[in-house]
N, C-alpha and C. Protein backbone atom coordinates (compact mmCIF):
# COMPACT_ATOMS: atom_id res chain seq x y z
N MET A 1 32.96 7.67 14.85
CA MET A 1 32.59 6.43 15.54
C MET A 1 31.31 6.63 16.33
N SER A 2 30.43 5.67 16.29
CA SER A 2 29.16 5.77 17.00
C SER A 2 29.36 5.74 18.50
N VAL A 3 28.49 6.51 19.20
CA VAL A 3 28.54 6.49 20.66
C VAL A 3 28.30 5.10 21.19
N ALA A 4 27.53 4.29 20.46
CA ALA A 4 27.21 2.95 20.94
C ALA A 4 28.44 2.05 21.01
N HIS A 5 29.50 2.39 20.29
CA HIS A 5 30.71 1.58 20.33
C HIS A 5 31.37 1.63 21.71
N HIS A 6 31.06 2.63 22.49
CA HIS A 6 31.69 2.81 23.79
C HIS A 6 30.84 2.23 24.93
N ILE A 7 29.74 1.57 24.59
CA ILE A 7 28.80 1.14 25.61
C ILE A 7 28.62 -0.37 25.57
N ASP A 8 28.85 -1.00 26.71
CA ASP A 8 28.61 -2.44 26.82
C ASP A 8 27.16 -2.67 27.24
N ILE A 9 26.59 -3.76 26.76
CA ILE A 9 25.23 -4.11 27.14
C ILE A 9 25.21 -4.59 28.59
N VAL A 10 24.31 -4.02 29.37
CA VAL A 10 24.17 -4.37 30.78
C VAL A 10 23.14 -5.47 30.91
N GLN A 11 23.52 -6.59 31.50
CA GLN A 11 22.63 -7.73 31.61
C GLN A 11 21.65 -7.61 32.77
N ASP A 12 21.96 -6.77 33.75
CA ASP A 12 21.09 -6.59 34.90
C ASP A 12 19.72 -6.09 34.45
N LYS A 13 18.64 -6.72 34.93
CA LYS A 13 17.29 -6.33 34.55
C LYS A 13 16.83 -5.06 35.24
N GLU A 14 17.49 -4.67 36.31
CA GLU A 14 17.15 -3.43 36.99
C GLU A 14 17.58 -2.24 36.13
N PRO A 15 16.66 -1.31 35.82
CA PRO A 15 17.03 -0.18 34.97
C PRO A 15 18.20 0.63 35.53
N ILE A 16 19.07 1.05 34.66
CA ILE A 16 20.19 1.90 35.06
C ILE A 16 19.64 3.22 35.61
N ARG A 17 20.13 3.62 36.75
CA ARG A 17 19.70 4.89 37.32
C ARG A 17 20.46 6.02 36.65
N LEU A 18 19.73 7.03 36.16
CA LEU A 18 20.34 8.13 35.44
C LEU A 18 20.56 9.37 36.30
N PHE A 19 19.70 9.57 37.31
CA PHE A 19 19.76 10.78 38.11
C PHE A 19 19.76 10.44 39.60
N LYS A 20 20.44 11.24 40.39
CA LYS A 20 20.40 11.08 41.83
C LYS A 20 19.03 11.49 42.37
N SER A 21 18.43 12.48 41.74
CA SER A 21 17.12 12.97 42.15
C SER A 21 16.02 11.97 41.78
N ASN A 22 15.21 11.57 42.74
CA ASN A 22 14.09 10.68 42.47
C ASN A 22 13.08 11.33 41.54
N PHE A 23 12.93 12.64 41.66
CA PHE A 23 12.00 13.38 40.81
C PHE A 23 12.41 13.29 39.35
N LEU A 24 13.68 13.58 39.06
CA LEU A 24 14.18 13.50 37.69
C LEU A 24 14.18 12.07 37.18
N GLU A 25 14.54 11.15 38.05
CA GLU A 25 14.59 9.74 37.66
C GLU A 25 13.20 9.25 37.25
N PHE A 26 12.17 9.70 37.94
CA PHE A 26 10.80 9.31 37.63
C PHE A 26 10.45 9.67 36.19
N PHE A 27 10.86 10.86 35.75
CA PHE A 27 10.52 11.32 34.41
C PHE A 27 11.41 10.73 33.32
N SER A 28 12.41 9.93 33.71
CA SER A 28 13.23 9.27 32.70
C SER A 28 12.62 7.93 32.26
N HIS A 29 11.51 7.55 32.92
CA HIS A 29 10.81 6.31 32.57
C HIS A 29 9.44 6.67 32.00
N ILE A 30 9.05 6.00 30.92
CA ILE A 30 7.80 6.34 30.26
C ILE A 30 7.16 5.09 29.67
N HIS A 31 5.87 4.90 29.92
CA HIS A 31 5.12 3.80 29.32
C HIS A 31 4.67 4.23 27.92
N PRO A 32 4.72 3.33 26.94
CA PRO A 32 4.36 3.73 25.56
C PRO A 32 2.93 4.24 25.42
N ALA A 33 2.02 3.81 26.32
CA ALA A 33 0.64 4.30 26.24
C ALA A 33 0.57 5.81 26.46
N VAL A 34 1.50 6.34 27.23
CA VAL A 34 1.52 7.78 27.49
C VAL A 34 1.73 8.56 26.19
N ILE A 35 2.57 8.01 25.32
CA ILE A 35 2.82 8.65 24.03
C ILE A 35 1.53 8.77 23.23
N ALA A 36 0.77 7.69 23.19
CA ALA A 36 -0.50 7.70 22.46
C ALA A 36 -1.48 8.69 23.08
N VAL A 37 -1.55 8.70 24.41
CA VAL A 37 -2.48 9.59 25.11
C VAL A 37 -2.17 11.05 24.83
N ILE A 38 -0.90 11.39 24.74
CA ILE A 38 -0.51 12.78 24.52
C ILE A 38 -0.65 13.19 23.07
N TRP A 39 -0.13 12.35 22.16
CA TRP A 39 0.07 12.81 20.79
C TRP A 39 -1.06 12.48 19.82
N ILE A 40 -1.88 11.48 20.09
CA ILE A 40 -3.03 11.24 19.22
C ILE A 40 -3.99 12.43 19.25
N PRO A 41 -4.33 12.98 20.43
CA PRO A 41 -5.17 14.19 20.43
C PRO A 41 -4.55 15.37 19.70
N VAL A 42 -3.23 15.53 19.79
CA VAL A 42 -2.57 16.63 19.09
C VAL A 42 -2.70 16.44 17.58
N MET A 43 -2.45 15.23 17.11
CA MET A 43 -2.61 14.94 15.69
C MET A 43 -4.05 15.16 15.25
N ALA A 44 -5.00 14.69 16.06
CA ALA A 44 -6.43 14.85 15.73
C ALA A 44 -6.82 16.32 15.68
N TYR A 45 -6.26 17.12 16.59
CA TYR A 45 -6.58 18.55 16.60
C TYR A 45 -6.15 19.22 15.30
N PHE A 46 -4.95 18.95 14.86
CA PHE A 46 -4.47 19.60 13.63
C PHE A 46 -5.22 19.09 12.40
N LEU A 47 -5.65 17.84 12.42
CA LEU A 47 -6.51 17.35 11.34
C LEU A 47 -7.87 18.05 11.38
N TYR A 48 -8.39 18.24 12.58
CA TYR A 48 -9.66 18.95 12.74
C TYR A 48 -9.55 20.38 12.18
N VAL A 49 -8.47 21.06 12.52
CA VAL A 49 -8.27 22.42 12.00
C VAL A 49 -8.19 22.40 10.48
N SER A 50 -7.53 21.38 9.93
CA SER A 50 -7.42 21.26 8.47
C SER A 50 -8.79 21.13 7.83
N ILE A 51 -9.61 20.24 8.40
CA ILE A 51 -10.96 20.01 7.87
C ILE A 51 -11.83 21.26 8.04
N LYS A 52 -11.72 21.89 9.20
CA LYS A 52 -12.50 23.10 9.47
C LYS A 52 -12.15 24.20 8.48
N ASN A 53 -10.86 24.39 8.21
CA ASN A 53 -10.44 25.40 7.24
C ASN A 53 -11.00 25.11 5.86
N HIS A 54 -11.00 23.82 5.49
CA HIS A 54 -11.51 23.45 4.17
C HIS A 54 -13.01 23.69 4.07
N LEU A 55 -13.75 23.26 5.09
CA LEU A 55 -15.21 23.43 5.07
C LEU A 55 -15.61 24.89 5.11
N ALA A 56 -14.77 25.71 5.70
CA ALA A 56 -15.05 27.15 5.76
C ALA A 56 -14.67 27.86 4.46
N GLY A 57 -14.13 27.11 3.51
CA GLY A 57 -13.75 27.69 2.23
C GLY A 57 -12.48 28.50 2.26
N LEU A 58 -11.68 28.30 3.30
CA LEU A 58 -10.46 29.09 3.45
C LEU A 58 -9.29 28.57 2.62
N THR A 59 -9.42 27.33 2.12
CA THR A 59 -8.32 26.74 1.37
C THR A 59 -8.40 27.05 -0.12
N GLY A 60 -9.49 27.67 -0.54
CA GLY A 60 -9.59 28.13 -1.93
C GLY A 60 -9.85 27.06 -2.96
N GLY A 61 -10.39 25.92 -2.57
CA GLY A 61 -10.66 24.87 -3.54
C GLY A 61 -11.76 23.94 -3.06
N ALA A 62 -12.42 23.29 -4.01
CA ALA A 62 -13.51 22.36 -3.66
C ALA A 62 -12.96 21.01 -3.22
N PHE A 63 -11.72 20.70 -3.59
CA PHE A 63 -11.12 19.41 -3.26
C PHE A 63 -10.06 19.62 -2.18
N PRO A 64 -10.05 18.81 -1.13
CA PRO A 64 -9.13 19.04 0.01
C PRO A 64 -7.69 18.59 -0.28
N PHE A 65 -7.04 19.25 -1.23
CA PHE A 65 -5.66 18.89 -1.57
C PHE A 65 -4.74 19.00 -0.36
N GLN A 66 -4.95 20.05 0.43
CA GLN A 66 -4.05 20.28 1.56
C GLN A 66 -4.06 19.10 2.53
N ILE A 67 -5.24 18.53 2.75
CA ILE A 67 -5.34 17.42 3.70
C ILE A 67 -4.80 16.14 3.10
N ILE A 68 -5.23 15.83 1.88
CA ILE A 68 -4.86 14.57 1.23
C ILE A 68 -3.36 14.51 0.94
N LEU A 69 -2.77 15.64 0.58
CA LEU A 69 -1.34 15.66 0.29
C LEU A 69 -0.50 16.09 1.48
N GLY A 70 -1.05 16.98 2.31
CA GLY A 70 -0.28 17.53 3.42
C GLY A 70 0.09 16.50 4.47
N PHE A 71 -0.87 15.62 4.81
CA PHE A 71 -0.59 14.63 5.85
C PHE A 71 0.56 13.70 5.44
N PRO A 72 0.53 13.07 4.24
CA PRO A 72 1.67 12.22 3.88
C PRO A 72 2.97 12.99 3.72
N ILE A 73 2.90 14.27 3.33
CA ILE A 73 4.12 15.07 3.28
C ILE A 73 4.72 15.19 4.68
N GLY A 74 3.86 15.40 5.66
CA GLY A 74 4.34 15.49 7.05
C GLY A 74 4.97 14.19 7.52
N VAL A 75 4.35 13.06 7.17
CA VAL A 75 4.91 11.76 7.54
C VAL A 75 6.28 11.59 6.88
N PHE A 76 6.36 11.96 5.61
CA PHE A 76 7.63 11.85 4.88
C PHE A 76 8.72 12.70 5.54
N LEU A 77 8.36 13.92 5.92
CA LEU A 77 9.33 14.79 6.59
C LEU A 77 9.77 14.19 7.93
N TRP A 78 8.83 13.50 8.61
CA TRP A 78 9.23 12.86 9.86
C TRP A 78 10.27 11.77 9.61
N THR A 79 10.10 10.97 8.56
CA THR A 79 11.05 9.88 8.32
C THR A 79 12.46 10.41 8.16
N LEU A 80 12.60 11.56 7.49
CA LEU A 80 13.93 12.17 7.36
C LEU A 80 14.41 12.71 8.70
N THR A 81 13.52 13.33 9.46
CA THR A 81 13.88 13.84 10.78
C THR A 81 14.33 12.71 11.70
N GLU A 82 13.60 11.61 11.66
CA GLU A 82 13.95 10.42 12.46
C GLU A 82 15.37 9.96 12.16
N TYR A 83 15.70 9.87 10.89
CA TYR A 83 17.03 9.41 10.48
C TYR A 83 18.11 10.39 10.94
N VAL A 84 17.89 11.68 10.66
CA VAL A 84 18.89 12.70 10.98
C VAL A 84 19.14 12.77 12.49
N MET A 85 18.06 12.75 13.28
CA MET A 85 18.23 12.82 14.73
C MET A 85 18.93 11.58 15.27
N HIS A 86 18.53 10.41 14.77
CA HIS A 86 19.15 9.18 15.26
C HIS A 86 20.63 9.13 14.91
N ARG A 87 20.93 9.50 13.70
CA ARG A 87 22.33 9.39 13.26
C ARG A 87 23.22 10.49 13.82
N PHE A 88 22.77 11.73 13.78
CA PHE A 88 23.66 12.84 14.10
C PHE A 88 23.48 13.43 15.50
N VAL A 89 22.34 13.18 16.13
CA VAL A 89 22.13 13.69 17.49
C VAL A 89 22.30 12.57 18.51
N PHE A 90 21.53 11.49 18.36
CA PHE A 90 21.60 10.39 19.33
C PHE A 90 22.94 9.67 19.28
N HIS A 91 23.57 9.63 18.10
CA HIS A 91 24.86 8.95 17.96
C HIS A 91 26.00 9.95 17.73
N PHE A 92 25.84 11.13 18.28
CA PHE A 92 26.91 12.12 18.20
C PHE A 92 28.14 11.62 18.95
N PRO A 93 29.31 11.60 18.31
CA PRO A 93 30.51 11.09 18.98
C PRO A 93 31.03 12.06 20.04
N PRO A 94 30.91 11.74 21.31
CA PRO A 94 31.32 12.68 22.37
C PRO A 94 32.84 12.79 22.47
N LYS A 95 33.29 13.99 22.81
CA LYS A 95 34.73 14.23 22.92
C LYS A 95 35.15 14.64 24.33
N THR A 96 34.17 14.90 25.18
CA THR A 96 34.47 15.28 26.56
C THR A 96 33.62 14.44 27.50
N PRO A 97 34.02 14.33 28.77
CA PRO A 97 33.20 13.59 29.74
C PRO A 97 31.78 14.13 29.85
N LYS A 98 31.62 15.44 29.77
CA LYS A 98 30.29 16.04 29.85
C LYS A 98 29.43 15.61 28.66
N MET A 99 30.02 15.61 27.47
CA MET A 99 29.28 15.21 26.28
C MET A 99 28.96 13.72 26.33
N LYS A 100 29.86 12.92 26.89
CA LYS A 100 29.57 11.49 27.05
C LYS A 100 28.37 11.29 27.95
N ARG A 101 28.30 12.08 28.99
CA ARG A 101 27.16 12.01 29.91
C ARG A 101 25.86 12.36 29.20
N ILE A 102 25.89 13.43 28.41
CA ILE A 102 24.69 13.88 27.70
C ILE A 102 24.24 12.85 26.67
N THR A 103 25.19 12.31 25.89
CA THR A 103 24.82 11.33 24.88
C THR A 103 24.31 10.04 25.51
N PHE A 104 24.83 9.72 26.68
CA PHE A 104 24.34 8.53 27.38
C PHE A 104 22.91 8.76 27.86
N LEU A 105 22.62 9.94 28.37
CA LEU A 105 21.27 10.26 28.81
C LEU A 105 20.28 10.21 27.64
N PHE A 106 20.69 10.75 26.48
CA PHE A 106 19.82 10.81 25.33
C PHE A 106 19.55 9.45 24.71
N HIS A 107 20.62 8.67 24.55
CA HIS A 107 20.45 7.45 23.76
C HIS A 107 21.34 6.30 24.19
N GLY A 108 22.47 6.63 24.80
CA GLY A 108 23.41 5.57 25.18
C GLY A 108 22.81 4.57 26.14
N VAL A 109 21.96 5.06 27.05
CA VAL A 109 21.33 4.14 28.01
C VAL A 109 20.47 3.10 27.31
N HIS A 110 19.89 3.48 26.19
CA HIS A 110 19.07 2.54 25.42
C HIS A 110 19.94 1.44 24.81
N HIS A 111 21.14 1.80 24.38
CA HIS A 111 22.05 0.78 23.84
C HIS A 111 22.63 -0.08 24.95
N ALA A 112 22.75 0.49 26.15
CA ALA A 112 23.26 -0.29 27.28
C ALA A 112 22.20 -1.27 27.78
N GLN A 113 20.95 -0.87 27.74
CA GLN A 113 19.83 -1.73 28.14
C GLN A 113 18.72 -1.67 27.09
N PRO A 114 18.95 -2.31 25.96
CA PRO A 114 17.99 -2.19 24.84
C PRO A 114 16.63 -2.79 25.11
N MET A 115 16.49 -3.64 26.13
CA MET A 115 15.20 -4.27 26.39
C MET A 115 14.47 -3.64 27.58
N CYS A 116 14.98 -2.53 28.09
CA CYS A 116 14.32 -1.85 29.21
C CYS A 116 13.01 -1.23 28.70
N LYS A 117 11.87 -1.73 29.18
CA LYS A 117 10.57 -1.36 28.64
C LYS A 117 10.21 0.10 28.85
N THR A 118 10.74 0.71 29.88
CA THR A 118 10.35 2.08 30.20
C THR A 118 11.26 3.13 29.57
N ARG A 119 12.21 2.68 28.74
CA ARG A 119 13.09 3.65 28.07
C ARG A 119 13.17 3.37 26.57
N LEU A 120 12.01 3.08 25.99
CA LEU A 120 11.96 2.79 24.57
C LEU A 120 11.23 3.85 23.76
N VAL A 121 10.53 4.73 24.44
CA VAL A 121 9.85 5.83 23.76
C VAL A 121 10.36 7.14 24.36
N MET A 122 10.19 8.21 23.61
CA MET A 122 10.76 9.50 24.01
C MET A 122 9.95 10.12 25.16
N PRO A 123 10.59 10.49 26.25
CA PRO A 123 9.86 11.12 27.36
C PRO A 123 9.23 12.44 26.93
N PRO A 124 8.02 12.74 27.42
CA PRO A 124 7.37 14.01 27.08
C PRO A 124 8.22 15.23 27.40
N ALA A 125 9.08 15.13 28.43
CA ALA A 125 9.95 16.25 28.78
C ALA A 125 10.89 16.60 27.63
N VAL A 126 11.11 15.64 26.72
CA VAL A 126 11.94 15.88 25.54
C VAL A 126 11.07 16.10 24.31
N SER A 127 10.06 15.27 24.14
CA SER A 127 9.26 15.32 22.91
C SER A 127 8.42 16.59 22.79
N ILE A 128 7.90 17.11 23.91
CA ILE A 128 7.06 18.31 23.83
C ILE A 128 7.87 19.54 23.41
N PRO A 129 9.03 19.81 24.03
CA PRO A 129 9.84 20.94 23.52
C PRO A 129 10.28 20.76 22.07
N LEU A 130 10.61 19.52 21.69
CA LEU A 130 11.00 19.27 20.30
C LEU A 130 9.84 19.54 19.35
N ALA A 131 8.64 19.12 19.74
CA ALA A 131 7.46 19.36 18.90
C ALA A 131 7.21 20.86 18.73
N ALA A 132 7.37 21.62 19.83
CA ALA A 132 7.20 23.07 19.75
C ALA A 132 8.25 23.69 18.82
N LEU A 133 9.48 23.18 18.90
CA LEU A 133 10.55 23.67 18.03
C LEU A 133 10.25 23.40 16.57
N PHE A 134 9.80 22.18 16.26
CA PHE A 134 9.49 21.84 14.87
C PHE A 134 8.27 22.58 14.37
N TYR A 135 7.28 22.80 15.24
CA TYR A 135 6.12 23.58 14.82
C TYR A 135 6.56 25.00 14.43
N GLY A 136 7.42 25.58 15.24
CA GLY A 136 7.93 26.90 14.91
C GLY A 136 8.68 26.91 13.59
N LEU A 137 9.46 25.86 13.33
CA LEU A 137 10.20 25.76 12.08
C LEU A 137 9.25 25.61 10.90
N PHE A 138 8.24 24.77 11.05
CA PHE A 138 7.25 24.58 9.99
C PHE A 138 6.49 25.88 9.73
N HIS A 139 6.15 26.59 10.79
CA HIS A 139 5.45 27.86 10.64
C HIS A 139 6.31 28.86 9.87
N LEU A 140 7.57 28.88 10.20
CA LEU A 140 8.50 29.80 9.53
C LEU A 140 8.58 29.49 8.03
N VAL A 141 8.69 28.21 7.69
CA VAL A 141 8.86 27.82 6.28
C VAL A 141 7.54 27.88 5.52
N ILE A 142 6.50 27.22 6.08
CA ILE A 142 5.24 27.07 5.33
C ILE A 142 4.43 28.37 5.31
N VAL A 143 4.33 29.04 6.46
CA VAL A 143 3.51 30.24 6.54
C VAL A 143 4.26 31.48 6.09
N LYS A 144 5.45 31.69 6.67
CA LYS A 144 6.18 32.91 6.38
C LYS A 144 6.89 32.88 5.03
N ALA A 145 7.64 31.80 4.79
CA ALA A 145 8.44 31.75 3.55
C ALA A 145 7.60 31.40 2.33
N LEU A 146 6.71 30.40 2.47
CA LEU A 146 5.94 29.95 1.31
C LEU A 146 4.57 30.62 1.20
N GLY A 147 4.12 31.27 2.25
CA GLY A 147 2.84 31.94 2.21
C GLY A 147 1.67 30.98 2.02
N ALA A 148 1.74 29.80 2.65
CA ALA A 148 0.70 28.78 2.48
C ALA A 148 0.21 28.32 3.85
N PRO A 149 -0.46 29.19 4.61
CA PRO A 149 -0.82 28.88 6.00
C PRO A 149 -1.73 27.67 6.16
N HIS A 150 -2.58 27.39 5.16
CA HIS A 150 -3.53 26.28 5.30
C HIS A 150 -2.89 24.91 5.07
N TRP A 151 -1.64 24.91 4.66
CA TRP A 151 -0.91 23.65 4.56
C TRP A 151 -0.28 23.26 5.89
N LEU A 152 -0.12 24.22 6.79
CA LEU A 152 0.56 23.94 8.05
C LEU A 152 -0.16 22.89 8.91
N PRO A 153 -1.47 23.00 9.18
CA PRO A 153 -2.12 22.00 10.05
C PRO A 153 -2.03 20.56 9.54
N PRO A 154 -2.33 20.27 8.25
CA PRO A 154 -2.22 18.87 7.83
C PRO A 154 -0.79 18.35 7.77
N VAL A 155 0.16 19.20 7.41
CA VAL A 155 1.56 18.77 7.37
C VAL A 155 2.04 18.46 8.78
N PHE A 156 1.70 19.32 9.73
CA PHE A 156 2.15 19.07 11.10
C PHE A 156 1.43 17.87 11.70
N ALA A 157 0.16 17.66 11.34
CA ALA A 157 -0.56 16.46 11.78
C ALA A 157 0.15 15.21 11.28
N GLY A 158 0.58 15.22 10.03
CA GLY A 158 1.31 14.08 9.47
C GLY A 158 2.65 13.88 10.15
N PHE A 159 3.30 14.98 10.49
CA PHE A 159 4.59 14.91 11.18
C PHE A 159 4.42 14.24 12.54
N ILE A 160 3.38 14.63 13.28
CA ILE A 160 3.09 14.02 14.57
C ILE A 160 2.71 12.55 14.39
N GLY A 161 1.93 12.26 13.34
CA GLY A 161 1.57 10.88 13.05
C GLY A 161 2.79 10.03 12.75
N GLY A 162 3.75 10.59 12.02
CA GLY A 162 4.99 9.88 11.75
C GLY A 162 5.78 9.60 13.00
N TYR A 163 5.80 10.59 13.91
CA TYR A 163 6.49 10.39 15.18
C TYR A 163 5.83 9.27 16.00
N LEU A 164 4.51 9.25 16.06
CA LEU A 164 3.80 8.19 16.76
C LEU A 164 4.13 6.83 16.18
N TRP A 165 4.11 6.74 14.87
CA TRP A 165 4.44 5.50 14.17
C TRP A 165 5.84 5.05 14.54
N TYR A 166 6.78 5.98 14.55
CA TYR A 166 8.17 5.67 14.89
C TYR A 166 8.30 5.16 16.32
N ASP A 167 7.76 5.91 17.28
CA ASP A 167 7.98 5.56 18.68
C ASP A 167 7.31 4.23 19.04
N LEU A 168 6.09 4.01 18.55
CA LEU A 168 5.39 2.77 18.86
C LEU A 168 5.99 1.59 18.09
N THR A 169 6.48 1.86 16.88
CA THR A 169 7.18 0.82 16.13
C THR A 169 8.46 0.42 16.86
N HIS A 170 9.16 1.41 17.39
CA HIS A 170 10.38 1.14 18.14
C HIS A 170 10.11 0.23 19.33
N TYR A 171 9.05 0.56 20.07
CA TYR A 171 8.69 -0.29 21.21
C TYR A 171 8.36 -1.70 20.73
N GLY A 172 7.60 -1.79 19.64
CA GLY A 172 7.20 -3.09 19.12
C GLY A 172 8.36 -3.94 18.65
N THR A 173 9.37 -3.32 18.06
CA THR A 173 10.52 -4.10 17.58
C THR A 173 11.27 -4.76 18.73
N HIS A 174 11.19 -4.17 19.91
CA HIS A 174 11.89 -4.71 21.07
C HIS A 174 11.05 -5.70 21.87
N HIS A 175 9.73 -5.55 21.83
CA HIS A 175 8.93 -6.33 22.77
C HIS A 175 7.73 -7.08 22.17
N PHE A 176 7.50 -6.96 20.88
CA PHE A 176 6.39 -7.69 20.28
C PHE A 176 6.90 -8.71 19.28
N LYS A 177 6.17 -9.79 19.15
CA LYS A 177 6.44 -10.74 18.08
C LYS A 177 5.72 -10.23 16.85
N VAL A 178 6.47 -9.58 15.98
CA VAL A 178 5.85 -8.87 14.86
C VAL A 178 5.42 -9.84 13.76
N ARG A 179 4.44 -9.41 13.01
CA ARG A 179 3.95 -10.18 11.87
C ARG A 179 4.02 -9.31 10.62
N GLY A 180 4.07 -9.98 9.50
CA GLY A 180 4.14 -9.24 8.25
C GLY A 180 5.57 -9.02 7.81
N ARG A 181 5.77 -9.11 6.51
CA ARG A 181 7.12 -9.01 5.96
C ARG A 181 7.77 -7.67 6.28
N TYR A 182 7.01 -6.58 6.19
CA TYR A 182 7.58 -5.26 6.43
C TYR A 182 8.07 -5.12 7.86
N TYR A 183 7.22 -5.48 8.83
CA TYR A 183 7.60 -5.29 10.23
C TYR A 183 8.69 -6.27 10.65
N LYS A 184 8.71 -7.44 10.05
CA LYS A 184 9.81 -8.36 10.34
C LYS A 184 11.13 -7.77 9.85
N TRP A 185 11.09 -7.13 8.69
CA TRP A 185 12.31 -6.51 8.16
C TRP A 185 12.74 -5.34 9.04
N VAL A 186 11.77 -4.51 9.47
CA VAL A 186 12.07 -3.37 10.34
C VAL A 186 12.71 -3.85 11.64
N LYS A 187 12.16 -4.92 12.21
CA LYS A 187 12.70 -5.45 13.46
C LYS A 187 14.11 -5.99 13.24
N PHE A 188 14.31 -6.76 12.17
CA PHE A 188 15.64 -7.29 11.87
C PHE A 188 16.64 -6.16 11.72
N ASN A 189 16.25 -5.12 10.99
CA ASN A 189 17.14 -4.00 10.74
C ASN A 189 17.54 -3.31 12.04
N HIS A 190 16.57 -3.11 12.92
CA HIS A 190 16.87 -2.41 14.17
C HIS A 190 17.69 -3.27 15.13
N MET A 191 17.43 -4.56 15.17
CA MET A 191 18.23 -5.44 16.03
C MET A 191 19.67 -5.52 15.53
N GLN A 192 19.85 -5.47 14.21
CA GLN A 192 21.20 -5.42 13.65
C GLN A 192 21.91 -4.14 14.11
N HIS A 193 21.17 -3.04 14.13
CA HIS A 193 21.75 -1.77 14.60
C HIS A 193 22.22 -1.90 16.05
N HIS A 194 21.46 -2.58 16.87
CA HIS A 194 21.81 -2.70 18.29
C HIS A 194 22.97 -3.66 18.53
N PHE A 195 22.94 -4.80 17.86
CA PHE A 195 23.85 -5.88 18.26
C PHE A 195 24.96 -6.19 17.26
N LYS A 196 24.94 -5.52 16.11
CA LYS A 196 25.99 -5.81 15.12
C LYS A 196 26.64 -4.56 14.56
N CYS A 197 25.85 -3.57 14.19
CA CYS A 197 26.44 -2.39 13.52
C CYS A 197 25.79 -1.11 14.04
N PRO A 198 26.16 -0.67 15.24
CA PRO A 198 25.56 0.53 15.82
C PRO A 198 25.87 1.82 15.07
N ASP A 199 26.83 1.78 14.15
CA ASP A 199 27.13 2.96 13.33
C ASP A 199 26.49 2.86 11.95
N ARG A 200 25.52 1.98 11.80
CA ARG A 200 24.76 1.81 10.55
C ARG A 200 23.30 1.57 10.92
N ARG A 201 22.45 1.50 9.91
CA ARG A 201 21.02 1.16 10.07
C ARG A 201 20.33 2.08 11.08
N PHE A 202 20.28 3.37 10.75
CA PHE A 202 19.70 4.34 11.67
C PHE A 202 18.19 4.47 11.54
N GLY A 203 17.63 3.97 10.45
CA GLY A 203 16.18 4.01 10.31
C GLY A 203 15.52 3.05 11.27
N VAL A 204 14.45 3.47 11.93
CA VAL A 204 13.73 2.62 12.87
C VAL A 204 12.37 2.24 12.30
N SER A 205 11.58 3.22 11.90
CA SER A 205 10.27 2.92 11.33
C SER A 205 10.34 2.59 9.85
N ASN A 206 11.49 2.86 9.23
CA ASN A 206 11.68 2.57 7.80
C ASN A 206 13.17 2.56 7.51
N THR A 207 13.55 2.07 6.35
CA THR A 207 14.97 2.00 5.98
C THR A 207 15.29 2.85 4.76
N LEU A 208 14.36 3.74 4.38
CA LEU A 208 14.53 4.55 3.17
C LEU A 208 15.82 5.35 3.19
N TRP A 209 16.04 6.09 4.28
CA TRP A 209 17.17 7.01 4.29
C TRP A 209 18.50 6.30 4.51
N ASP A 210 18.48 5.12 5.11
CA ASP A 210 19.70 4.31 5.14
C ASP A 210 20.13 3.95 3.73
N PHE A 211 19.15 3.67 2.89
CA PHE A 211 19.45 3.36 1.49
C PHE A 211 19.96 4.60 0.76
N VAL A 212 19.29 5.73 0.97
CA VAL A 212 19.66 6.97 0.28
C VAL A 212 21.06 7.42 0.67
N PHE A 213 21.37 7.37 1.97
CA PHE A 213 22.65 7.88 2.47
C PHE A 213 23.69 6.79 2.67
N LYS A 214 23.36 5.61 2.17
CA LYS A 214 24.32 4.48 2.14
C LYS A 214 24.81 4.10 3.54
N THR A 215 23.90 4.02 4.49
CA THR A 215 24.25 3.55 5.83
C THR A 215 23.60 2.19 6.12
N ARG A 216 23.26 1.50 5.06
CA ARG A 216 22.76 0.14 5.20
C ARG A 216 23.81 -0.81 4.65
N PRO A 217 24.41 -1.65 5.51
CA PRO A 217 25.47 -2.55 5.02
C PRO A 217 24.99 -3.44 3.89
N ALA A 218 25.87 -3.73 2.96
CA ALA A 218 25.52 -4.52 1.80
C ALA A 218 25.04 -5.92 2.17
N GLU A 219 25.61 -6.48 3.25
CA GLU A 219 25.23 -7.83 3.64
C GLU A 219 23.87 -7.89 4.28
């Protein structure tokens, strides 16, 4: 059962307080512009390294396959990561009061106050350690296991780009009047997740993996 099944929507416009400490409470609120300020330069840096490696002749080819293919591969890997984290981490069914507290801090508060503007993107206190963890994982697989070090920068740049797309899309689905058939569908899908089927429709920036893993209701 989804953690969201245990949470009622709070109508009060005042954000739910998560911590007694004002210091910790401050870092539980984040403006979406902060995400762009932090992660666009990171994505740009890894793209720069990719281009620099290619121009230096380190990639072993005249055509920049690593950049052209690596970036979309990274975005694709993010879409799967987004689905897995949303379904199995953010909606982990808690069995103890301590776990209920943790799941509420991670994601339950968003289901309790889905329109709270300052809790729609991932706080840097969470996203930065996660990014470091995934970079280490990518390094282990791409560099150590596959022996393809020059694929790491463009793939990780795409992964960060996918994360940016996800977080800003998430904010937009809650607070923007979206245009275009794709974004209207994404918004409809996510609002259904919040208000009708919190144990389904885990894709936020896309619905691919809901289709693959059959978590998109037939209706």
